[in-house]
Amino acid sequence: MSLFYDILYYFQKRGFEVCRRIAERLGIRARVVRTTFIYLTFATLGFGFALYLFIAFWLKIKDLVYTKRTSVFDL
């Protein structure tokens, strides 16, 4: 049972990063975004999950390429 909770904790910590970032940008709760992805996945037979993975990949690439610098001397 400990393995189950370890996997659950991993996905709660890292798996919902996409939903949290989308919710912050839109100014809504992350729970609403997660629920929308779940309903979209069931309604379109997996398209919501594919969209979620695409957005997660895109955010990861964006984070690697774009880094916010606080001043000119952070080169």
Protein backbone atom coordinates (compact mmCIF):
# COMPACT_ATOMS: atom_id res chain seq x y z
CA MET A 1 0.00 0.00 0.00
CA SER A 2 2.95 2.30 0.55
CA LEU A 3 3.87 2.06 -3.13
CA PHE A 4 0.39 3.28 -4.05
CA TYR A 5 0.74 6.33 -1.81
CA ASP A 6 4.22 7.04 -3.17
CA ILE A 7 2.87 7.04 -6.72
CA LEU A 8 -0.13 9.13 -5.70
CA TYR A 9 2.12 11.66 -3.95
CA TYR A 10 4.40 11.87 -7.02
CA PHE A 11 1.51 12.67 -9.35
CA GLN A 12 -0.02 15.15 -6.93
CA LYS A 13 3.33 16.91 -6.55
CA ARG A 14 4.47 16.90 -10.18
CA GLY A 15 1.63 15.66 -12.34
CA PHE A 16 -0.72 18.55 -11.77
CA GLU A 17 1.84 21.26 -12.46
CA VAL A 18 0.22 21.89 -15.84
CA CYS A 19 -3.20 22.45 -14.28
CA ARG A 20 -1.80 24.76 -11.62
CA ARG A 21 0.04 26.92 -14.14
CA ILE A 22 -2.97 27.15 -16.45
CA ALA A 23 -5.19 28.04 -13.48
CA GLU A 24 -2.80 30.77 -12.33
CA ARG A 25 -2.72 32.29 -15.79
CA LEU A 26 -6.53 32.23 -16.12
CA GLY A 27 -7.14 33.27 -12.52
CA ILE A 28 -9.28 30.26 -11.58
CA ARG A 29 -8.87 27.29 -9.24
CA ALA A 30 -6.65 24.41 -10.27
CA ARG A 31 -9.42 21.99 -9.28
CA VAL A 32 -11.65 23.38 -12.04
CA VAL A 33 -8.91 22.91 -14.63
CA ARG A 34 -8.23 19.33 -13.47
CA THR A 35 -11.94 18.48 -13.61
CA THR A 36 -12.18 19.97 -17.08
CA PHE A 37 -9.30 17.80 -18.30
CA ILE A 38 -10.95 14.71 -16.79
CA TYR A 39 -14.31 15.44 -18.43
CA LEU A 40 -12.62 16.25 -21.72
CA THR A 41 -10.74 12.95 -21.60
CA PHE A 42 -13.91 10.92 -21.07
CA ALA A 43 -15.98 12.89 -23.58
CA THR A 44 -13.45 12.71 -26.41
CA LEU A 45 -11.98 9.27 -25.71
CA GLY A 46 -8.50 10.41 -24.74
CA PHE A 47 -8.10 13.75 -26.48
CA GLY A 48 -8.01 15.60 -23.16
CA PHE A 49 -5.17 13.40 -21.92
CA ALA A 50 -3.26 13.91 -25.15
CA LEU A 51 -3.80 17.67 -24.84
CA TYR A 52 -2.58 17.55 -21.23
CA LEU A 53 0.60 15.73 -22.26
CA PHE A 54 1.21 18.19 -25.10
CA ILE A 55 0.83 21.18 -22.77
CA ALA A 56 3.12 19.55 -20.19
CA PHE A 57 5.76 19.00 -22.87
CA TRP A 58 5.40 22.57 -24.15
CA LEU A 59 5.71 24.08 -20.66
CA LYS A 60 8.81 21.99 -19.97
CA ILE A 61 10.47 23.19 -23.19
CA LYS A 62 9.45 26.79 -22.43
CA ASP A 63 10.98 26.56 -18.96
CA LEU A 64 14.23 25.23 -20.39
CA VAL A 65 14.49 27.94 -23.05
CA TYR A 66 13.11 30.97 -21.23
CA THR A 67 14.59 31.93 -17.90
CA LYS A 68 13.56 35.11 -16.17
CA ARG A 69 16.51 37.32 -15.33
CA THR A 70 16.17 39.84 -12.55
CA SER A 71 18.84 42.25 -13.75
CA VAL A 72 21.19 42.98 -16.60
CA PHE A 73 24.12 41.49 -14.72
CA ASP A 74 22.64 37.95 -14.63
CA LEU A 75 24.16 36.91 -17.95
